[in-house]
Amino acid sequence: MAYHRIDDYDPIATAELAKHYKETLRLLGEDPEREGLLKTPERVAKSMQFLTQGYFMDGAEILRSAMFKEEYQQMVIVKDIELFSMCEHHLLPFYGKAHVAYIPNGYITGLSKIPRVVECFARRLQVQERLTVQIRDCIQETLHPLGVGVVIEASHMCMQIRGVQKQHSVTTTSAFTGGFLKDERTRSEFMHLIGVSIH
């Protein structure tokens, strides 16, 4: 049986984006009609739709799809969640990992839903600071836990391959609610368990 790839992209958006990317190639001094670039505008159009698919995801619905009553009231941590996002200032990737914790208050969610929420907000044009807060707020407003903690560590290609060109810089952001915000011991326990130090 021959290989058959299934594409799930908006054909109108793909065509419009491809038209603009073709002109972009021309403005950069390239010949978009040469063999190696003939399909590049369409490929990039599809790639950008994939990288920004989070606009069509609902973080709250993701969490609600697996909400369960549970009396557990200790910290739940999902750490080292790989994330890939796009810097909205330069349309270059930033990538790293997210650490997410919450303290249930009558409800828990399926463990896989936390990484899906990270993905929901990461797959958009972003700044790391806003991404951190959006993940926190989505969990807080949907599960109403006793507290939420989110820490993101990421490397930004806009700093690595252009501008300041610092290859090994890592940006760390954090956002807290409830017990993580008010209780230094709870916050310190979380930071210790994920192995991150913020001074």
C-alpha atoms as a PDB file:
ATOM      1  CA  MET A   1       0.000   0.000   0.000  1.00  0.00           C
ATOM      2  CA  ALA A   2       1.398   3.394  -0.974  1.00  0.00           C
ATOM      3  CA  TYR A   3       2.088   5.994   1.704  1.00  0.00           C
ATOM      4  CA  HIS A   4      -0.737   8.489   1.980  1.00  0.00           C
ATOM      5  CA  ARG A   5      -0.289  11.611   4.066  1.00  0.00           C
ATOM      6  CA  ILE A   6      -3.384  13.200   5.587  1.00  0.00           C
ATOM      7  CA  ASP A   7      -3.266  16.992   5.814  1.00  0.00           C
ATOM      8  CA  ASP A   8      -5.748  18.824   7.984  1.00  0.00           C
ATOM      9  CA  TYR A   9      -5.259  22.477   7.111  1.00  0.00           C
ATOM     10  CA  ASP A  10      -7.660  25.216   6.159  1.00  0.00           C
ATOM     11  CA  PRO A  11      -7.295  25.388   2.354  1.00  0.00           C
ATOM     12  CA  ILE A  12      -8.290  29.051   2.186  1.00  0.00           C
ATOM     13  CA  ALA A  13      -5.820  30.072   4.893  1.00  0.00           C
ATOM     14  CA  THR A  14      -3.132  27.914   3.268  1.00  0.00           C
ATOM     15  CA  ALA A  15      -3.604  29.549  -0.130  1.00  0.00           C
ATOM     16  CA  GLU A  16      -3.615  33.086   1.298  1.00  0.00           C
ATOM     17  CA  LEU A  17      -0.579  32.490   3.485  1.00  0.00           C
ATOM     18  CA  ALA A  18       1.311  30.817   0.644  1.00  0.00           C
ATOM     19  CA  LYS A  19       0.679  33.830  -1.583  1.00  0.00           C
ATOM     20  CA  HIS A  20       2.258  36.123   0.998  1.00  0.00           C
ATOM     21  CA  TYR A  21       5.197  33.814   1.663  1.00  0.00           C
ATOM     22  CA  LYS A  22       5.899  33.649  -2.071  1.00  0.00           C
ATOM     23  CA  GLU A  23       6.116  37.433  -2.158  1.00  0.00           C
ATOM     24  CA  THR A  24       8.288  37.379   0.971  1.00  0.00           C
ATOM     25  CA  LEU A  25      10.785  35.114  -0.814  1.00  0.00           C
ATOM     26  CA  ARG A  26      10.854  37.517  -3.726  1.00  0.00           C
ATOM     27  CA  LEU A  27      11.434  40.515  -1.433  1.00  0.00           C
ATOM     28  CA  LEU A  28      14.314  38.665   0.230  1.00  0.00           C
ATOM     29  CA  GLY A  29      16.032  38.435  -3.148  1.00  0.00           C
ATOM     30  CA  GLU A  30      15.149  34.826  -3.927  1.00  0.00           C
ATOM     31  CA  ASP A  31      13.510  33.354  -6.998  1.00  0.00           C
ATOM     32  CA  PRO A  32      10.326  31.648  -5.742  1.00  0.00           C
ATOM     33  CA  GLU A  33       9.998  29.927  -9.132  1.00  0.00           C
ATOM     34  CA  ARG A  34      13.199  27.923  -8.813  1.00  0.00           C
ATOM     35  CA  GLU A  35      12.808  24.208  -8.183  1.00  0.00           C
ATOM     36  CA  GLY A  36      13.840  24.149  -4.522  1.00  0.00           C
ATOM     37  CA  LEU A  37      11.392  26.893  -3.591  1.00  0.00           C
ATOM     38  CA  LEU A  38       8.361  25.997  -5.689  1.00  0.00           C
ATOM     39  CA  LYS A  39       6.517  24.318  -2.811  1.00  0.00           C
ATOM     40  CA  THR A  40       8.110  26.326  -0.003  1.00  0.00           C
ATOM     41  CA  PRO A  41       5.296  28.917   0.351  1.00  0.00           C
ATOM     42  CA  GLU A  42       2.705  26.163   0.814  1.00  0.00           C
ATOM     43  CA  ARG A  43       4.947  24.229   3.201  1.00  0.00           C
ATOM     44  CA  VAL A  44       5.530  27.309   5.345  1.00  0.00           C
ATOM     45  CA  ALA A  45       1.819  28.145   5.282  1.00  0.00           C
ATOM     46  CA  LYS A  46       1.009  24.698   6.683  1.00  0.00           C
ATOM     47  CA  SER A  47       3.901  24.832   9.131  1.00  0.00           C
ATOM     48  CA  MET A  48       2.687  28.119  10.596  1.00  0.00           C
ATOM     49  CA  GLN A  49      -0.838  26.757  10.964  1.00  0.00           C
ATOM     50  CA  PHE A  50       0.564  23.791  12.886  1.00  0.00           C
ATOM     51  CA  LEU A  51       2.759  25.982  15.091  1.00  0.00           C
ATOM     52  CA  THR A  52      -0.185  28.240  15.979  1.00  0.00           C
ATOM     53  CA  GLN A  53      -2.928  25.620  16.324  1.00  0.00           C
ATOM     54  CA  GLY A  54      -3.429  26.652  19.956  1.00  0.00           C
ATOM     55  CA  TYR A  55      -5.746  29.440  18.807  1.00  0.00           C
ATOM     56  CA  PHE A  56      -8.301  26.717  18.082  1.00  0.00           C
ATOM     57  CA  MET A  57      -7.911  24.963  21.451  1.00  0.00           C
ATOM     58  CA  ASP A  58      -9.774  25.743  24.673  1.00  0.00           C
ATOM     59  CA  GLY A  59      -7.716  25.163  27.815  1.00  0.00           C
ATOM     60  CA  ALA A  60     -10.730  25.155  30.111  1.00  0.00           C
ATOM     61  CA  GLU A  61     -12.485  22.532  27.986  1.00  0.00           C
ATOM     62  CA  ILE A  62      -9.345  20.401  28.048  1.00  0.00           C
ATOM     63  CA  LEU A  63      -9.363  20.400  31.857  1.00  0.00           C
ATOM     64  CA  ARG A  64     -13.112  19.893  32.143  1.00  0.00           C
ATOM     65  CA  SER A  65     -12.946  16.859  29.841  1.00  0.00           C
ATOM     66  CA  ALA A  66     -11.349  14.909  32.706  1.00  0.00           C
ATOM     67  CA  MET A  67     -12.446  16.527  35.993  1.00  0.00           C
ATOM     68  CA  PHE A  68     -13.036  14.216  38.924  1.00  0.00           C
ATOM     69  CA  LYS A  69     -14.217  14.782  42.490  1.00  0.00           C
ATOM     70  CA  GLU A  70     -11.419  13.897  44.876  1.00  0.00           C
ATOM     71  CA  GLU A  71     -10.618  14.920  48.449  1.00  0.00           C
ATOM     72  CA  TYR A  72      -6.845  14.918  47.890  1.00  0.00           C
ATOM     73  CA  GLN A  73      -5.406  18.257  49.021  1.00  0.00           C
ATOM     74  CA  GLN A  74      -1.661  17.839  48.594  1.00  0.00           C
ATOM     75  CA  MET A  75       0.472  19.270  45.834  1.00  0.00           C
ATOM     76  CA  VAL A  76       0.149  17.718  42.365  1.00  0.00           C
ATOM     77  CA  ILE A  77       3.152  18.437  40.144  1.00  0.00           C
ATOM     78  CA  VAL A  78       3.690  17.727  36.461  1.00  0.00           C
ATOM     79  CA  LYS A  79       7.229  18.809  35.667  1.00  0.00           C
ATOM     80  CA  ASP A  80       9.580  18.882  32.682  1.00  0.00           C
ATOM     81  CA  ILE A  81       6.737  19.399  30.193  1.00  0.00           C
ATOM     82  CA  GLU A  82       8.380  20.077  26.838  1.00  0.00           C
ATOM     83  CA  LEU A  83       7.099  23.198  25.153  1.00  0.00           C
ATOM     84  CA  PHE A  84       7.652  24.864  21.802  1.00  0.00           C
ATOM     85  CA  SER A  85       6.288  28.298  21.035  1.00  0.00           C
ATOM     86  CA  MET A  86       6.783  31.242  18.691  1.00  0.00           C
ATOM     87  CA  CYS A  87       8.078  34.630  19.797  1.00  0.00           C
ATOM     88  CA  GLU A  88       5.515  37.180  18.651  1.00  0.00           C
ATOM     89  CA  HIS A  89       8.188  39.855  18.176  1.00  0.00           C
ATOM     90  CA  HIS A  90      10.366  38.035  15.623  1.00  0.00           C
ATOM     91  CA  LEU A  91       8.352  34.913  14.675  1.00  0.00           C
ATOM     92  CA  LEU A  92      11.230  32.742  15.838  1.00  0.00           C
ATOM     93  CA  PRO A  93      10.832  29.708  18.115  1.00  0.00           C
ATOM     94  CA  PHE A  94      11.439  29.543  21.818  1.00  0.00           C
ATOM     95  CA  TYR A  95      11.542  26.180  23.514  1.00  0.00           C
ATOM     96  CA  GLY A  96      12.075  24.654  26.916  1.00  0.00           C
ATOM     97  CA  LYS A  97      10.054  23.100  29.685  1.00  0.00           C
ATOM     98  CA  ALA A  98       7.190  23.980  31.970  1.00  0.00           C
ATOM     99  CA  HIS A  99       6.653  22.848  35.554  1.00  0.00           C
ATOM    100  CA  VAL A 100       3.056  23.034  36.761  1.00  0.00           C
ATOM    101  CA  ALA A 101       1.605  22.348  40.205  1.00  0.00           C
ATOM    102  CA  TYR A 102      -1.757  22.785  41.843  1.00  0.00           C
ATOM    103  CA  ILE A 103      -3.337  21.970  45.200  1.00  0.00           C
ATOM    104  CA  PRO A 104      -6.781  20.418  44.603  1.00  0.00           C
ATOM    105  CA  ASN A 105      -9.855  21.799  46.291  1.00  0.00           C
ATOM    106  CA  GLY A 106     -12.438  19.085  45.678  1.00  0.00           C
ATOM    107  CA  TYR A 107     -11.504  18.365  42.048  1.00  0.00           C
ATOM    108  CA  ILE A 108      -8.536  16.941  40.211  1.00  0.00           C
ATOM    109  CA  THR A 109      -7.919  16.640  36.480  1.00  0.00           C
ATOM    110  CA  GLY A 110      -6.346  13.900  34.389  1.00  0.00           C
ATOM    111  CA  LEU A 111      -2.561  14.198  34.503  1.00  0.00           C
ATOM    112  CA  SER A 112      -2.276  14.347  30.705  1.00  0.00           C
ATOM    113  CA  LYS A 113      -4.527  17.405  30.664  1.00  0.00           C
ATOM    114  CA  ILE A 114      -1.883  19.626  32.258  1.00  0.00           C
ATOM    115  CA  PRO A 115       0.594  19.172  29.362  1.00  0.00           C
ATOM    116  CA  ARG A 116      -2.303  19.670  26.942  1.00  0.00           C
ATOM    117  CA  VAL A 117      -3.093  23.016  28.567  1.00  0.00           C
ATOM    118  CA  VAL A 118       0.563  24.004  28.214  1.00  0.00           C
ATOM    119  CA  GLU A 119       0.383  23.026  24.541  1.00  0.00           C
ATOM    120  CA  CYS A 120      -2.857  24.965  24.071  1.00  0.00           C
ATOM    121  CA  PHE A 121      -1.244  28.259  25.050  1.00  0.00           C
ATOM    122  CA  ALA A 122       2.272  27.549  23.770  1.00  0.00           C
ATOM    123  CA  ARG A 123       1.066  26.911  20.208  1.00  0.00           C
ATOM    124  CA  ARG A 124       0.309  30.580  19.649  1.00  0.00           C
ATOM    125  CA  LEU A 125       2.350  33.698  19.009  1.00  0.00           C
ATOM    126  CA  GLN A 126       3.610  34.381  22.504  1.00  0.00           C
ATOM    127  CA  VAL A 127       5.861  36.050  24.985  1.00  0.00           C
ATOM    128  CA  GLN A 128       7.051  33.775  27.770  1.00  0.00           C
ATOM    129  CA  GLU A 129       5.701  36.020  30.509  1.00  0.00           C
ATOM    130  CA  ARG A 130       2.133  35.918  29.158  1.00  0.00           C
ATOM    131  CA  LEU A 131       2.329  32.188  28.447  1.00  0.00           C
ATOM    132  CA  THR A 132       3.217  31.525  32.101  1.00  0.00           C
ATOM    133  CA  VAL A 133       0.258  33.556  33.359  1.00  0.00           C
ATOM    134  CA  GLN A 134      -2.227  32.084  30.867  1.00  0.00           C
ATOM    135  CA  ILE A 135      -1.432  28.535  31.987  1.00  0.00           C
ATOM    136  CA  ARG A 136      -1.769  29.550  35.634  1.00  0.00           C
ATOM    137  CA  ASP A 137      -5.052  31.396  35.137  1.00  0.00           C
ATOM    138  CA  CYS A 138      -6.630  28.626  33.076  1.00  0.00           C
ATOM    139  CA  ILE A 139      -6.019  26.057  35.815  1.00  0.00           C
ATOM    140  CA  GLN A 140      -7.066  28.426  38.605  1.00  0.00           C
ATOM    141  CA  GLU A 141     -10.287  29.543  36.915  1.00  0.00           C
ATOM    142  CA  THR A 142     -11.326  26.052  35.825  1.00  0.00           C
ATOM    143  CA  LEU A 143     -10.397  23.764  38.734  1.00  0.00           C
ATOM    144  CA  HIS A 144     -10.604  26.433  41.497  1.00  0.00           C
ATOM    145  CA  PRO A 145      -7.733  24.822  43.408  1.00  0.00           C
ATOM    146  CA  LEU A 146      -6.174  26.101  46.630  1.00  0.00           C
ATOM    147  CA  GLY A 147      -3.249  27.342  44.574  1.00  0.00           C
ATOM    148  CA  VAL A 148      -1.400  27.045  41.289  1.00  0.00           C
ATOM    149  CA  GLY A 149       2.294  27.317  40.539  1.00  0.00           C
ATOM    150  CA  VAL A 150       3.805  27.580  37.051  1.00  0.00           C
ATOM    151  CA  VAL A 151       7.494  27.901  36.190  1.00  0.00           C
ATOM    152  CA  ILE A 152       8.817  28.002  32.622  1.00  0.00           C
ATOM    153  CA  GLU A 153      12.461  27.737  31.591  1.00  0.00           C
ATOM    154  CA  ALA A 154      13.054  28.489  27.918  1.00  0.00           C
ATOM    155  CA  SER A 155      15.694  29.356  25.340  1.00  0.00           C
ATOM    156  CA  HIS A 156      14.775  31.969  22.739  1.00  0.00           C
ATOM    157  CA  MET A 157      16.155  31.756  19.226  1.00  0.00           C
ATOM    158  CA  CYS A 158      15.613  35.492  18.799  1.00  0.00           C
ATOM    159  CA  MET A 159      18.392  35.887  21.381  1.00  0.00           C
ATOM    160  CA  GLN A 160      20.514  33.013  20.089  1.00  0.00           C
ATOM    161  CA  ILE A 161      20.737  33.534  16.335  1.00  0.00           C
ATOM    162  CA  ARG A 162      20.123  37.277  15.972  1.00  0.00           C
ATOM    163  CA  GLY A 163      20.465  40.416  18.051  1.00  0.00           C
ATOM    164  CA  VAL A 164      22.554  39.750  21.157  1.00  0.00           C
ATOM    165  CA  GLN A 165      23.442  36.188  19.956  1.00  0.00           C
ATOM    166  CA  LYS A 166      23.875  34.607  23.390  1.00  0.00           C
ATOM    167  CA  GLN A 167      23.729  30.861  22.819  1.00  0.00           C
ATOM    168  CA  HIS A 168      23.350  29.570  26.366  1.00  0.00           C
ATOM    169  CA  SER A 169      20.968  32.049  27.943  1.00  0.00           C
ATOM    170  CA  VAL A 170      17.838  30.641  29.581  1.00  0.00           C
ATOM    171  CA  THR A 171      14.831  32.713  30.624  1.00  0.00           C
ATOM    172  CA  THR A 172      12.869  31.641  33.714  1.00  0.00           C
ATOM    173  CA  THR A 173       9.391  32.964  34.499  1.00  0.00           C
ATOM    174  CA  SER A 174       6.991  32.075  37.291  1.00  0.00           C
ATOM    175  CA  ALA A 175       3.385  32.738  38.255  1.00  0.00           C
ATOM    176  CA  PHE A 176       1.556  31.705  41.433  1.00  0.00           C
ATOM    177  CA  THR A 177      -1.856  31.863  43.075  1.00  0.00           C
ATOM    178  CA  GLY A 178      -3.277  30.900  46.457  1.00  0.00           C
ATOM    179  CA  GLY A 179      -1.059  28.783  48.674  1.00  0.00           C
ATOM    180  CA  PHE A 180       1.917  29.102  46.339  1.00  0.00           C
ATOM    181  CA  LEU A 181       1.688  32.882  46.529  1.00  0.00           C
ATOM    182  CA  LYS A 182       0.899  33.299  50.238  1.00  0.00           C
ATOM    183  CA  ASP A 183       2.899  30.485  51.817  1.00  0.00           C
ATOM    184  CA  GLU A 184       6.649  30.676  51.302  1.00  0.00           C
ATOM    185  CA  ARG A 185       7.099  27.072  52.518  1.00  0.00           C
ATOM    186  CA  THR A 186       4.686  25.755  49.892  1.00  0.00           C
ATOM    187  CA  ARG A 187       6.381  27.755  47.162  1.00  0.00           C
ATOM    188  CA  SER A 188       9.838  26.658  48.345  1.00  0.00           C
ATOM    189  CA  GLU A 189       8.746  23.013  48.377  1.00  0.00           C
ATOM    190  CA  PHE A 190       7.521  23.319  44.798  1.00  0.00           C
ATOM    191  CA  MET A 191      10.735  24.989  43.645  1.00  0.00           C
ATOM    192  CA  HIS A 192      12.820  22.357  45.418  1.00  0.00           C
ATOM    193  CA  LEU A 193      10.859  19.474  43.882  1.00  0.00           C
ATOM    194  CA  ILE A 194      11.260  20.824  40.340  1.00  0.00           C
ATOM    195  CA  GLY A 195      14.914  21.673  40.920  1.00  0.00           C
ATOM    196  CA  VAL A 196      14.649  25.376  40.067  1.00  0.00           C
ATOM    197  CA  SER A 197      16.098  28.251  42.053  1.00  0.00           C
ATOM    198  CA  ILE A 198      14.659  31.753  41.699  1.00  0.00           C
ATOM    199  CA  HIS A 199      16.326  34.464  43.785  1.00  0.00           C
END
